[in-house]
């Protein structure tokens, strides 16, 4: 493949693709001349045509197999409803096309293992788009923690994920953000989780507040509070080590905490204060929420022949725990 011909194809031209991934592809193509937005695909031809025109793709398709065969892209991005992701992801990987797939890669362990098998059998690099792992405020919090502390130094993490009037019968697809971000910040998998649910039938079928008390493999404790019908859209974290506590507010979806901030206190004294405005190169949501950065990281790894971090195998535990919520499990233990 010529270095001046890095062809990108996108599958899925719906809501999340239009709001954050399309702007990320466009920004990447503007920044890296070798990138070519070759084609996008959606079963709805009108959506596909509109997406191509809006973000600068050369053409569009309604059949992904025809697109892949004709375009032979260097990288494929997949943003479709969660129940469709696993089947499409496995098909793309079996054909050997490097793939960035939206979270969750599968709705359960079985679907995720099927994607892993497809990737392993074809030897195809892949990455799951957990955008919090690329959100500048969260990346900076992780950097600050890593400068001074090892994973085994962390005492506790509290993560609060609130949404306003989200009445999804299955909120696990959003709850996985909190689950995975705690893994990222802790630098550790979960060893054990006790779940509690506050069912809210008046808000709709399946709506519930979700509370998780967790022990990490590193020895840290984590508490996750996931409330889909709160009065505010918000994600915040508090991380404690010996004599130090970090507080972070994340600018999810231009929420009340935009542009985000980090504070650290040592023995009651403020020692760090970082505002999101100092971490973002643009106020565009695709940047402040890490969508551009995750796409950029994936594309640059594929260009350089590197295996991207955060592949589908690394996402498996987050998927399993989210599926526990879906089925109202009361306990999880790492195998």
Protein backbone atom coordinates (compact mmCIF):
# COMPACT_ATOMS: atom_id res chain seq x y z
CA UNK A 1 0.00 0.00 0.00
CA UNK A 2 1.32 3.39 -0.96
CA UNK A 3 1.90 5.75 1.99
CA UNK A 4 -0.13 8.34 0.08
CA UNK A 5 -3.14 6.07 -0.24
CA UNK A 6 -4.60 5.20 3.18
CA UNK A 7 -8.19 4.40 2.29
CA UNK A 8 -10.80 4.60 5.04
CA UNK A 9 -14.29 3.12 4.81
CA UNK A 10 -17.09 3.63 7.32
CA UNK A 11 -20.01 1.31 7.99
CA UNK A 12 -23.02 2.96 9.62
CA UNK A 13 -24.21 6.51 8.95
CA UNK A 14 -26.64 6.99 11.84
CA UNK A 15 -26.78 9.21 14.89
CA UNK A 16 -23.42 8.63 16.58
CA UNK A 17 -21.63 8.51 13.23
CA UNK A 18 -23.03 11.91 12.28
CA UNK A 19 -22.54 13.56 15.66
CA UNK A 20 -18.98 12.54 16.48
CA UNK A 21 -17.33 10.01 14.15
CA UNK A 22 -17.98 11.90 10.92
CA UNK A 23 -16.31 15.06 12.25
CA UNK A 24 -13.42 12.89 13.49
CA UNK A 25 -12.89 11.33 10.04
CA UNK A 26 -13.03 14.75 8.42
CA UNK A 27 -10.52 16.21 10.88
CA UNK A 28 -8.18 13.26 10.34
CA UNK A 29 -8.31 13.60 6.54
CA UNK A 30 -7.58 17.33 6.82
CA UNK A 31 -4.60 16.68 9.07
CA UNK A 32 -3.08 13.70 7.25
CA UNK A 33 -2.88 14.16 3.46
CA UNK A 34 -2.30 10.44 2.87
CA UNK A 35 -5.75 9.66 4.27
CA UNK A 36 -8.54 9.14 1.78
CA UNK A 37 -12.16 8.98 2.90
CA UNK A 38 -12.96 6.38 0.27
CA UNK A 39 -16.54 5.34 0.99
CA UNK A 40 -19.27 5.05 3.59
CA UNK A 41 -22.09 2.54 3.78
CA UNK A 42 -25.57 2.34 5.25
CA UNK A 43 -28.58 0.22 4.28
CA UNK A 44 -30.47 3.50 4.07
CA UNK A 45 -29.14 5.02 0.85
CA UNK A 46 -30.35 8.49 1.76
CA UNK A 47 -28.40 8.39 5.02
CA UNK A 48 -25.30 7.11 3.25
CA UNK A 49 -25.47 9.79 0.56
CA UNK A 50 -25.97 12.54 3.12
CA UNK A 51 -23.09 11.31 5.26
CA UNK A 52 -20.73 11.14 2.27
CA UNK A 53 -21.62 14.67 1.20
CA UNK A 54 -21.40 16.09 4.73
CA UNK A 55 -18.00 14.66 5.68
CA UNK A 56 -16.19 14.33 2.37
CA UNK A 57 -16.34 10.63 1.48
CA UNK A 58 -15.75 10.04 -2.22
CA UNK A 59 -18.71 7.72 -2.64
CA UNK A 60 -21.28 5.70 -0.76
CA UNK A 61 -22.81 2.21 -0.81
CA UNK A 62 -25.81 0.40 0.62
CA UNK A 63 -24.05 -2.99 0.57
CA UNK A 64 -20.97 -3.29 2.79
CA UNK A 65 -19.66 -6.37 0.97
CA UNK A 66 -19.71 -4.51 -2.33
CA UNK A 67 -17.96 -1.57 -0.69
CA UNK A 68 -15.19 -3.68 0.80
CA UNK A 69 -14.64 -5.65 -2.39
CA UNK A 70 -14.54 -2.55 -4.58
CA UNK A 71 -12.62 -0.19 -2.31
CA UNK A 72 -10.21 -2.63 -0.53
CA UNK A 73 -9.73 -0.16 2.35
CA UNK A 74 -6.73 0.06 4.65
CA UNK A 75 -9.05 0.56 7.64
CA UNK A 76 -12.74 0.15 8.39
CA UNK A 77 -14.80 1.92 11.06
CA UNK A 78 -18.01 0.36 12.34
CA UNK A 79 -20.76 2.38 14.05
CA UNK A 80 -24.04 0.46 14.01
CA UNK A 81 -26.64 -0.47 16.64
CA UNK A 82 -25.11 -2.71 19.30
CA UNK A 83 -27.13 -5.79 18.40
CA UNK A 84 -25.63 -5.69 14.87
CA UNK A 85 -22.01 -5.03 15.80
CA UNK A 86 -20.76 -8.56 16.50
CA UNK A 87 -21.96 -10.11 13.25
CA UNK A 88 -20.66 -7.30 11.06
CA UNK A 89 -17.37 -7.05 12.96
CA UNK A 90 -16.65 -10.75 12.55
CA UNK A 91 -17.44 -10.59 8.83
CA UNK A 92 -15.11 -7.62 8.27
CA UNK A 93 -12.27 -9.17 10.29
CA UNK A 94 -12.56 -12.52 8.50
CA UNK A 95 -11.87 -10.66 5.27
CA UNK A 96 -8.71 -9.19 6.79
CA UNK A 97 -9.70 -5.50 7.04
CA UNK A 98 -8.35 -3.69 10.14
CA UNK A 99 -11.38 -2.65 12.16
CA UNK A 100 -12.30 0.05 14.69
CA UNK A 101 -15.66 -0.93 16.17
CA UNK A 102 -17.95 1.09 18.43
CA UNK A 103 -18.55 -0.24 21.92
CA UNK A 104 -19.80 -2.69 22.96
CA UNK A 105 -18.16 -5.10 20.52
CA UNK A 106 -20.68 -7.74 21.57
CA UNK A 107 -23.68 -7.83 23.86
CA UNK A 108 -22.30 -10.82 25.77
CA UNK A 109 -19.34 -13.13 26.16
CA UNK A 110 -20.36 -15.40 23.28
CA UNK A 111 -20.67 -12.60 20.74
CA UNK A 112 -17.37 -11.09 21.84
CA UNK A 113 -15.57 -14.43 21.63
CA UNK A 114 -16.87 -14.83 18.08
CA UNK A 115 -15.24 -11.53 17.11
CA UNK A 116 -12.04 -12.57 18.87
CA UNK A 117 -11.95 -15.82 16.90
CA UNK A 118 -12.44 -13.98 13.62
CA UNK A 119 -9.60 -11.61 14.47
CA UNK A 120 -7.29 -14.42 15.59
CA UNK A 121 -7.99 -16.64 12.57
CA UNK A 122 -7.34 -13.83 10.10
CA UNK A 123 -4.59 -12.13 12.12
CA UNK A 124 -6.36 -8.80 11.65
CA UNK A 125 -5.70 -5.84 13.98
CA UNK A 126 -8.70 -4.30 15.65
CA UNK A 127 -9.70 -1.86 18.36
CA UNK A 128 -12.84 -1.17 20.39
CA UNK A 129 -13.85 2.49 20.52
CA UNK A 130 -14.16 3.19 24.25
CA UNK A 131 -13.93 6.93 23.80
CA UNK A 132 -13.39 7.65 27.53
CA UNK A 133 -9.92 6.09 27.19
CA UNK A 134 -9.12 8.90 24.73
CA UNK A 135 -11.03 11.80 26.32
CA UNK A 136 -8.38 14.45 27.12
CA UNK A 137 -9.52 15.02 30.72
CA UNK A 138 -9.51 11.30 31.49
CA UNK A 139 -6.20 10.77 29.71
CA UNK A 140 -4.70 13.57 31.80
CA UNK A 141 -6.10 12.09 35.01
CA UNK A 142 -4.57 8.74 34.09
CA UNK A 143 -1.25 10.44 33.35
CA UNK A 144 -1.22 12.23 36.69
CA UNK A 145 -2.03 9.02 38.54
CA UNK A 146 0.67 7.11 36.69
CA UNK A 147 3.31 9.75 37.43
CA UNK A 148 3.13 9.24 41.17
CA UNK A 149 1.35 5.97 41.83
CA UNK A 150 1.34 2.31 40.85
CA UNK A 151 -2.00 0.50 40.38
CA UNK A 152 -1.44 -1.29 43.69
CA UNK A 153 -1.11 2.12 45.43
CA UNK A 154 -4.70 3.09 44.65
CA UNK A 155 -7.08 2.78 47.58
CA UNK A 156 -10.42 3.56 45.98
CA UNK A 157 -12.23 4.85 42.91
CA UNK A 158 -15.75 6.20 42.88
CA UNK A 159 -17.38 6.72 39.50
CA UNK A 160 -20.75 8.41 39.09
CA UNK A 161 -22.57 8.15 35.77
CA UNK A 162 -25.85 10.09 35.72
CA UNK A 163 -28.22 10.66 32.83
CA UNK A 164 -31.38 12.70 32.56
CA UNK A 165 -34.58 10.94 31.48
CA UNK A 166 -32.89 7.92 29.89
CA UNK A 167 -35.61 5.30 29.94
CA UNK A 168 -33.79 2.59 27.97
CA UNK A 169 -35.03 -0.87 28.89
CA UNK A 170 -31.39 -1.99 28.47
CA UNK A 171 -29.03 0.60 29.93
CA UNK A 172 -26.06 -1.81 29.94
CA UNK A 173 -24.84 -0.37 26.63
CA UNK A 174 -24.23 2.98 28.37
CA UNK A 175 -23.25 1.57 31.78
CA UNK A 176 -20.28 -0.13 30.08
CA UNK A 177 -18.63 3.31 29.87
CA UNK A 178 -18.38 3.52 33.67
CA UNK A 179 -17.29 -0.12 33.93
CA UNK A 180 -14.51 0.26 31.38
CA UNK A 181 -13.30 3.67 32.56
CA UNK A 182 -12.77 2.36 36.08
CA UNK A 183 -10.69 -0.50 34.64
CA UNK A 184 -8.64 2.06 32.72
CA UNK A 185 -8.07 4.39 35.66
CA UNK A 186 -7.29 1.54 38.04
CA UNK A 187 -4.92 -0.15 35.61
CA UNK A 188 -6.53 -3.37 36.76
CA UNK A 189 -9.30 -5.82 36.02
CA UNK A 190 -12.17 -6.46 38.40
CA UNK A 191 -11.78 -9.39 40.78
CA UNK A 192 -15.24 -9.29 42.39
CA UNK A 193 -18.40 -7.19 42.10
CA UNK A 194 -21.55 -7.07 44.23
CA UNK A 195 -24.49 -5.49 42.35
CA UNK A 196 -27.55 -3.80 43.75
CA UNK A 197 -30.50 -2.56 41.68
CA UNK A 198 -33.14 -0.02 42.48
CA UNK A 199 -35.90 -0.86 40.04
CA UNK A 200 -37.94 2.13 38.86
CA UNK A 201 -41.03 0.70 37.15
CA UNK A 202 -42.71 4.09 37.18
CA UNK A 203 -39.99 5.32 34.81
CA UNK A 204 -40.53 2.48 32.35
CA UNK A 205 -39.87 -1.24 31.90
CA UNK A 206 -36.34 -2.25 32.80
CA UNK A 207 -35.33 1.17 34.15
CA UNK A 208 -33.23 0.93 37.30
CA UNK A 209 -30.46 2.61 39.24
CA UNK A 210 -27.40 0.37 39.37
CA UNK A 211 -24.90 0.28 42.22
CA UNK A 212 -21.67 -1.72 42.16
CA UNK A 213 -19.22 -2.38 44.99
CA UNK A 214 -16.05 -3.79 43.47
CA UNK A 215 -12.69 -5.22 44.40
CA UNK A 216 -10.01 -4.86 41.75
CA UNK A 217 -7.25 -7.39 41.13
CA UNK A 218 -4.81 -4.67 42.22
CA UNK A 219 -6.47 -4.55 45.65
CA UNK A 220 -8.26 -1.23 45.14
CA UNK A 221 -11.95 -0.82 45.94
CA UNK A 222 -14.30 0.75 43.41
CA UNK A 223 -17.86 2.00 43.75
CA UNK A 224 -19.96 2.76 40.70
CA UNK A 225 -23.25 4.63 40.86
CA UNK A 226 -25.19 4.48 37.58
CA UNK A 227 -28.43 6.47 37.55
CA UNK A 228 -30.21 6.81 34.18
CA UNK A 229 -33.13 9.03 35.23
CA UNK A 230 -31.36 11.55 37.44
CA UNK A 231 -31.75 15.30 37.07
CA UNK A 232 -28.49 15.85 35.23
CA UNK A 233 -26.16 14.35 32.62
CA UNK A 234 -22.83 13.94 34.35
CA UNK A 235 -19.80 11.68 34.79
CA UNK A 236 -17.37 12.27 37.64
CA UNK A 237 -14.67 10.30 39.41
CA UNK A 238 -12.83 10.47 42.72
CA UNK A 239 -9.60 8.51 43.12
CA UNK A 240 -7.82 8.16 46.46
CA UNK A 241 -4.33 7.02 47.40
CA UNK A 242 -2.42 7.52 50.64
CA UNK A 243 -2.88 11.19 51.66
CA UNK A 244 -3.99 12.21 48.14
CA UNK A 245 -7.36 12.45 46.41
CA UNK A 246 -8.07 13.35 42.80
CA UNK A 247 -11.46 14.72 41.72
CA UNK A 248 -12.37 14.79 38.05
CA UNK A 249 -15.34 16.12 36.09
CA UNK A 250 -15.71 14.84 32.54
CA UNK A 251 -17.29 16.87 29.70
CA UNK A 252 -19.53 14.10 28.39
CA UNK A 253 -21.86 15.25 25.60
CA UNK A 254 -21.31 18.94 26.44
CA UNK A 255 -22.82 18.32 29.87
CA UNK A 256 -22.94 20.67 32.83
CA UNK A 257 -19.28 19.86 33.58
CA UNK A 258 -18.03 21.05 30.19
CA UNK A 259 -15.12 21.60 29.56
CA UNK A 260 -14.15 19.37 32.51
CA UNK A 261 -11.52 19.72 35.20
CA UNK A 262 -9.18 17.81 37.53
CA UNK A 263 -8.25 18.74 41.09
CA UNK A 264 -5.87 17.00 43.45
CA UNK A 265 -5.62 17.50 47.20
CA UNK A 266 -2.73 16.29 49.37
CA UNK A 267 -3.32 16.41 53.12
CA UNK A 268 -6.17 18.91 52.64
CA UNK A 269 -4.13 21.24 50.41
CA UNK A 270 -4.92 21.77 46.71
CA UNK A 271 -1.84 20.87 44.66
CA UNK A 272 -3.22 20.39 41.14
CA UNK A 273 -5.91 22.21 39.21
CA UNK A 274 -6.30 21.50 35.50
CA UNK A 275 -9.14 22.82 33.35
CA UNK A 276 -10.37 21.02 30.26
CA UNK A 277 -9.94 24.20 28.25
CA UNK A 278 -6.17 23.70 28.63
CA UNK A 279 -6.36 20.12 27.34
CA UNK A 280 -8.58 20.46 24.24
CA UNK A 281 -7.31 21.59 20.88
CA UNK A 282 -10.91 22.34 19.86
CA UNK A 283 -14.24 22.75 21.68
CA UNK A 284 -15.85 20.40 19.16
CA UNK A 285 -17.48 17.45 20.93
CA UNK A 286 -15.64 14.93 18.75
CA UNK A 287 -12.43 16.27 20.34
CA UNK A 288 -13.50 17.00 23.90
CA UNK A 289 -15.07 13.54 24.17
CA UNK A 290 -12.10 11.69 22.63
CA UNK A 291 -13.70 10.45 19.42
CA UNK A 292 -11.17 12.13 17.15
CA UNK A 293 -8.29 10.89 19.31
CA UNK A 294 -9.47 7.26 19.27
CA UNK A 295 -9.86 7.31 15.48
CA UNK A 296 -6.51 9.04 15.03
CA UNK A 297 -4.73 6.54 17.30
CA UNK A 298 -6.22 3.60 15.44
CA UNK A 299 -5.44 4.95 11.98
CA UNK A 300 -1.86 5.88 12.89
CA UNK A 301 -1.25 2.43 14.40
CA UNK A 302 -2.50 0.76 11.22
CA UNK A 303 -0.41 3.10 9.07
CA UNK A 304 2.68 2.20 11.10
CA UNK A 305 1.97 -1.53 11.16
CA UNK A 306 1.45 -1.53 14.93
CA UNK A 307 -1.10 -3.57 16.83
CA UNK A 308 -3.55 -1.07 18.35
CA UNK A 309 -4.06 -1.31 22.12
CA UNK A 310 -7.57 -1.88 23.38
CA UNK A 311 -8.55 -4.71 21.04
CA UNK A 312 -11.67 -6.82 21.37
CA UNK A 313 -9.94 -9.32 23.66
CA UNK A 314 -9.08 -6.50 26.07
CA UNK A 315 -12.74 -5.44 26.07
CA UNK A 316 -14.08 -8.86 27.07
CA UNK A 317 -14.32 -8.27 30.82
CA UNK A 318 -16.15 -4.96 30.36
CA UNK A 319 -18.66 -6.73 28.10
CA UNK A 320 -19.18 -9.56 30.57
CA UNK A 321 -19.86 -7.17 33.45
CA UNK A 322 -22.26 -5.05 31.40
CA UNK A 323 -24.10 -8.25 30.53
CA UNK A 324 -24.39 -9.00 34.25
CA UNK A 325 -26.35 -5.75 34.57
CA UNK A 326 -28.55 -6.71 31.63
CA UNK A 327 -29.50 -9.94 33.38
CA UNK A 328 -29.64 -8.40 36.88
CA UNK A 329 -26.87 -10.58 38.27
CA UNK A 330 -26.07 -9.92 41.92
CA UNK A 331 -22.43 -11.00 41.81
CA UNK A 332 -19.49 -11.26 39.43
CA UNK A 333 -16.25 -13.11 40.03
CA UNK A 334 -13.28 -13.08 37.69
CA UNK A 335 -12.48 -16.50 36.31
